[in-house]
Structures are given as structure tokens and as C-alpha cells.
């Protein structure tokens, strides 16, 4: 039992490390080579976890080899465009100037039903509303409507609007003070205690969320189990 537990832990953290090296992507956003790598690693990991007669290294070494190969291919794709096209493919334009590119759809085996479903998912009911639709390497469909079908922007309407978009920084997350974020904002523990007193709180453990944005606005959410 202890052997199975130890093997599972080792392989689990090894696979997690491999997925971290691949970057923060969802399964649907993986490149073909990354998807193949993920499937192969998962299969290799299950064998030594189920069969104790197989040495653990018999699963670890192939996984490390695949991860090293993946990193090598990633580096090569950064410096060689042709190699990148070979391994990752190239985006395909399925709609150009409102017209369906039927040959491109056939080449990518992308059906009309799939295209219309993707358009409806983005709030578009007709192909004529789209100027460009690009099938990305990840399989996602990027849709660029005609300008006349897009909501007007402040710049197009000639409005001079002050930019008030800010990025709030989390200082307390479920009762835990994020000291790194606090220091990055130029604040200290004394300032934090002052803010807590202003919100009638005695300690960080009473706070569910506390954020500070670039304009100095503070959002404090108290834990529900506190009066």
C-alpha cells in the first residue's frame, strides 16, 4: 500500500511539473504537439502506478524524455518559422470579406454546422455580419465582424473619456495576508491594521477579500461567519 502511495505521489508531481512547463493553457487551447504529449504522459504514468512489478524509473525516464523533447521543440519553434508551421500549423481564414472559404474549410475538415455553431456562440447569426473568421492553431475560432456590426467605441464617437480602468491588487485572500502584494503596493502592516480598524475589523483572519487599486480605492469583504 505504501509503495502505491509513494509511486502515485511521485508521478503526480512529475506530471504537474510537466504541465506547468507547457504554460497556463486549457485543454482546448493546446497545440497538437502539446495535446499528444499530454496524452502520452498520462498513459506512461498509469503503468507503473498499477503494476508494481515495473520499476518506477520505467515510467519516470520516458516522461522526462518527453518533457525534454517538448522543451527542445518549443525552442526550435521560436527560432525557425518553417519548423513552427510544421509542428503547430498555421491559422486558416474560413470567412474572408463576408464570404465562406469552402476549400479552406474542406482542407481543415471544418464543417458548416461547426462554423455556424461557433458564430452563434459569439452572438452572430449570419455569415454576412463577419468580415474575417480565422481558425487558430488551437482550434479556437477568432471572429472579426464588420465595423458597422461592432458596438461604437468612445474614440469613434469623438468622446474624451477619462481612463479609469484599474487593476485591483489582492492584499488579503480568505484571511491570509499576501505580504508580497502588500510590499509591491508600497504599504506595510501598520497601514493594513489602520484599514482594518476603519472597517471595524480586528485582524486579517476576519477578512475574506481585501483589494487596493491604482487609484487608492479599497474593497473589503468581511467573512460571513463574523458578526
Protein backbone atom coordinates (compact mmCIF):
# COMPACT_ATOMS: atom_id res chain seq x y z
CA UNK A 1 0.00 0.00 0.00
CA UNK A 2 2.80 2.40 0.90
CA UNK A 3 4.54 1.62 -2.38
CA UNK A 4 1.43 2.54 -4.38
CA UNK A 5 1.03 5.74 -2.38
CA UNK A 6 4.66 6.79 -2.92
CA UNK A 7 4.62 5.98 -6.64
CA UNK A 8 1.40 7.90 -7.16
CA UNK A 9 2.76 10.99 -5.39
CA UNK A 10 6.00 10.98 -7.40
CA UNK A 11 4.27 10.56 -10.75
CA UNK A 12 1.58 13.09 -9.87
CA UNK A 13 4.04 15.87 -9.06
CA UNK A 14 6.17 14.95 -12.07
CA UNK A 15 3.18 15.32 -14.41
CA UNK A 16 2.14 18.56 -12.73
CA UNK A 17 5.66 19.89 -13.33
CA UNK A 18 5.39 18.91 -16.97
CA UNK A 19 2.07 20.66 -17.42
CA UNK A 20 3.49 23.78 -15.77
CA UNK A 21 6.32 23.78 -18.29
CA UNK A 22 3.72 23.76 -21.06
CA UNK A 23 2.23 27.00 -19.76
CA UNK A 24 -1.18 28.03 -18.49
CA UNK A 25 -3.48 26.64 -21.13
CA UNK A 26 -6.80 24.89 -21.16
CA UNK A 27 -7.13 21.53 -22.90
CA UNK A 28 -8.99 23.12 -25.82
CA UNK A 29 -6.15 25.61 -26.34
CA UNK A 30 -3.31 23.09 -26.60
CA UNK A 31 -1.29 22.87 -29.78
CA UNK A 32 -1.44 19.41 -31.47
CA UNK A 33 2.05 18.53 -30.23
CA UNK A 34 1.15 19.57 -26.68
CA UNK A 35 -2.06 17.52 -26.74
CA UNK A 36 -0.15 14.44 -27.92
CA UNK A 37 2.44 15.00 -25.19
CA UNK A 38 -0.26 15.24 -22.52
CA UNK A 39 -1.93 12.02 -23.65
CA UNK A 40 1.36 10.10 -23.82
CA UNK A 41 2.48 11.26 -20.37
CA UNK A 42 -0.83 10.25 -18.81
CA UNK A 43 -0.58 6.78 -20.34
CA UNK A 44 3.04 6.34 -19.24
CA UNK A 45 2.19 7.34 -15.68
CA UNK A 46 -0.63 4.82 -15.25
CA UNK A 47 1.54 1.78 -16.00
CA UNK A 48 3.98 1.95 -13.03
CA UNK A 49 1.14 3.04 -10.73
CA UNK A 50 -0.89 -0.09 -11.50
CA UNK A 51 1.86 -2.69 -11.99
CA UNK A 52 4.28 -2.82 -9.06
CA UNK A 53 6.45 -5.29 -10.98
CA UNK A 54 7.55 -2.50 -13.29
CA UNK A 55 10.33 -0.29 -11.88
CA UNK A 56 9.31 3.30 -11.19
CA UNK A 57 12.13 4.52 -13.42
CA UNK A 58 10.47 2.74 -16.33
CA UNK A 59 7.77 5.40 -16.15
CA UNK A 60 9.81 8.35 -14.93
CA UNK A 61 12.53 8.20 -17.61
CA UNK A 62 10.12 8.21 -20.61
CA UNK A 63 8.17 11.07 -19.05
CA UNK A 64 11.33 13.12 -18.50
CA UNK A 65 12.41 12.31 -22.06
CA UNK A 66 9.11 13.56 -23.47
CA UNK A 67 9.28 16.74 -21.39
CA UNK A 68 12.83 17.41 -22.57
CA UNK A 69 11.79 16.76 -26.16
CA UNK A 70 8.84 19.12 -25.79
CA UNK A 71 11.06 21.90 -24.46
CA UNK A 72 13.53 21.33 -27.30
CA UNK A 73 10.77 21.52 -29.91
CA UNK A 74 9.43 24.69 -28.28
CA UNK A 75 12.86 26.32 -28.50
CA UNK A 76 13.24 25.28 -32.13
CA UNK A 77 9.83 26.72 -32.99
CA UNK A 78 10.92 30.07 -31.55
CA UNK A 79 13.82 30.38 -33.96
CA UNK A 80 12.56 28.57 -37.06
CA UNK A 81 9.28 29.66 -38.67
CA UNK A 82 9.09 26.69 -41.03
CA UNK A 83 9.56 24.26 -38.16
CA UNK A 84 6.84 26.10 -36.22
CA UNK A 85 4.45 25.77 -39.16
CA UNK A 86 5.27 22.07 -39.41
CA UNK A 87 4.64 21.29 -35.74
CA UNK A 88 1.95 23.83 -34.85
CA UNK A 89 0.31 24.55 -38.21
CA UNK A 90 -0.88 27.93 -39.43
CA UNK A 91 -4.15 29.83 -38.88
CA UNK A 92 -6.74 29.34 -41.62
CA UNK A 93 -9.17 32.02 -42.82
CA UNK A 94 -12.64 30.44 -43.07
CA UNK A 95 -14.52 33.67 -43.84
CA UNK A 96 -12.97 36.47 -45.86
CA UNK A 97 -14.87 39.70 -46.51
CA UNK A 98 -18.11 38.00 -45.57
CA UNK A 99 -17.64 35.07 -47.96
CA UNK A 100 -17.15 31.44 -46.95
CA UNK A 101 -13.82 29.91 -47.97
CA UNK A 102 -15.13 26.46 -48.83
CA UNK A 103 -11.81 24.97 -49.96
CA UNK A 104 -10.13 26.08 -46.74
CA UNK A 105 -12.96 24.57 -44.70
CA UNK A 106 -12.64 21.27 -46.56
CA UNK A 107 -8.86 21.27 -46.11
CA UNK A 108 -9.25 21.71 -42.35
CA UNK A 109 -12.24 19.34 -42.20
CA UNK A 110 -14.30 22.10 -40.61
CA UNK A 111 -18.00 21.63 -41.30
CA UNK A 112 -20.54 24.36 -41.93
CA UNK A 113 -22.52 23.27 -38.87
CA UNK A 114 -19.44 23.73 -36.66
CA UNK A 115 -18.82 27.19 -38.11
CA UNK A 116 -22.40 28.35 -37.61
CA UNK A 117 -22.39 26.98 -34.06
CA UNK A 118 -19.24 28.95 -33.24
CA UNK A 119 -20.71 32.12 -34.73
CA UNK A 120 -23.92 31.75 -32.72
CA UNK A 121 -21.82 31.23 -29.60
CA UNK A 122 -20.30 34.68 -30.20
CA UNK A 123 -23.67 36.36 -30.78
CA UNK A 124 -23.53 36.35 -34.59
CA UNK A 125 -26.47 34.95 -36.52
CA UNK A 126 -25.35 35.45 -40.12
CA UNK A 127 -22.13 34.88 -42.05
CA UNK A 128 -22.65 38.23 -43.77
CA UNK A 129 -22.03 40.00 -40.44
CA UNK A 130 -18.46 38.68 -40.33
CA UNK A 131 -15.54 40.21 -42.22
CA UNK A 132 -12.97 37.64 -41.10
CA UNK A 133 -13.20 34.33 -39.26
CA UNK A 134 -9.87 32.66 -38.51
CA UNK A 135 -9.41 29.10 -37.32
CA UNK A 136 -6.47 29.34 -34.91
CA UNK A 137 -3.87 26.63 -34.33
CA UNK A 138 -5.54 25.78 -31.01
CA UNK A 139 -8.84 25.06 -32.77
CA UNK A 140 -10.49 28.24 -31.48
CA UNK A 141 -12.36 30.43 -33.96
CA UNK A 142 -11.49 34.14 -33.93
CA UNK A 143 -14.32 36.24 -35.37
CA UNK A 144 -13.88 39.83 -36.58
CA UNK A 145 -17.23 41.42 -37.52
CA UNK A 146 -17.59 44.29 -39.95
CA UNK A 147 -17.11 47.69 -38.34
CA UNK A 148 -20.77 48.53 -38.92
CA UNK A 149 -21.76 45.49 -36.85
CA UNK A 150 -19.50 46.32 -33.90
CA UNK A 151 -20.53 48.47 -30.91
CA UNK A 152 -19.20 52.03 -31.32
CA UNK A 153 -16.24 52.97 -29.18
CA UNK A 154 -15.70 56.25 -27.36
CA UNK A 155 -12.96 57.16 -29.85
CA UNK A 156 -15.28 56.58 -32.82
CA UNK A 157 -17.94 58.78 -31.22
CA UNK A 158 -15.39 61.50 -30.53
CA UNK A 159 -15.84 61.35 -26.77
CA UNK A 160 -12.99 62.34 -24.47
CA UNK A 161 -13.42 59.93 -21.57
CA UNK A 162 -11.00 59.68 -18.69
CA UNK A 163 -9.30 56.33 -18.45
CA UNK A 164 -10.48 54.88 -15.14
CA UNK A 165 -9.57 51.23 -15.74
CA UNK A 166 -7.53 49.94 -12.83
CA UNK A 167 -6.14 46.59 -11.74
CA UNK A 168 -7.00 45.81 -8.12
CA UNK A 169 -4.31 44.02 -6.13
CA UNK A 170 -5.37 41.38 -3.62
CA UNK A 171 -3.89 42.10 -0.20
CA UNK A 172 -5.90 39.62 1.89
CA UNK A 173 -7.18 36.35 0.48
CA UNK A 174 -9.51 34.41 2.77
CA UNK A 175 -7.87 35.68 5.94
CA UNK A 176 -4.31 35.37 4.64
CA UNK A 177 -2.19 38.49 4.11
CA UNK A 178 -0.29 38.46 0.83
CA UNK A 179 2.86 40.18 2.04
CA UNK A 180 4.41 40.27 -1.42
CA UNK A 181 1.47 42.20 -2.85
CA UNK A 182 1.38 44.48 0.18
CA UNK A 183 5.03 45.42 -0.32
CA UNK A 184 4.55 45.89 -4.08
CA UNK A 185 1.84 48.47 -3.34
CA UNK A 186 4.19 50.38 -1.05
CA UNK A 187 2.17 49.53 2.05
CA UNK A 188 3.09 47.90 5.34
CA UNK A 189 1.46 46.00 8.17
CA UNK A 190 0.74 49.20 10.12
CA UNK A 191 -1.20 50.65 7.19
CA UNK A 192 -3.12 47.38 6.91
CA UNK A 193 -4.10 47.46 10.56
CA UNK A 194 -5.37 51.02 10.11
CA UNK A 195 -7.56 49.92 7.19
CA UNK A 196 -8.94 47.03 9.21
CA UNK A 197 -9.89 49.36 12.08
CA UNK A 198 -11.68 51.66 9.63
CA UNK A 199 -13.81 48.68 8.60
CA UNK A 200 -14.36 47.71 12.26
CA UNK A 201 -12.22 44.58 11.98
CA UNK A 202 -9.58 43.49 14.45
CA UNK A 203 -7.43 41.04 12.49
CA UNK A 204 -6.83 39.83 8.89
CA UNK A 205 -8.46 36.48 9.69
CA UNK A 206 -11.82 38.32 9.76
CA UNK A 207 -11.45 39.42 6.11
CA UNK A 208 -12.49 37.29 3.15
CA UNK A 209 -11.13 39.70 0.50
CA UNK A 210 -9.26 42.99 0.61
CA UNK A 211 -8.07 44.72 -2.56
CA UNK A 212 -6.37 48.01 -3.39
CA UNK A 213 -6.38 49.55 -6.89
CA UNK A 214 -4.17 52.14 -8.56
CA UNK A 215 -6.49 54.99 -7.56
CA UNK A 216 -6.33 54.05 -3.89
CA UNK A 217 -9.82 52.58 -3.74
CA UNK A 218 -10.20 49.79 -1.22
CA UNK A 219 -12.67 46.92 -1.36
CA UNK A 220 -13.08 44.98 1.87
CA UNK A 221 -15.32 41.92 2.13
CA UNK A 222 -15.85 40.53 5.62
CA UNK A 223 -16.20 36.82 6.26
CA UNK A 224 -19.81 35.77 6.60
CA UNK A 225 -19.27 33.85 9.83
CA UNK A 226 -18.22 37.10 11.58
CA UNK A 227 -20.88 39.40 13.09
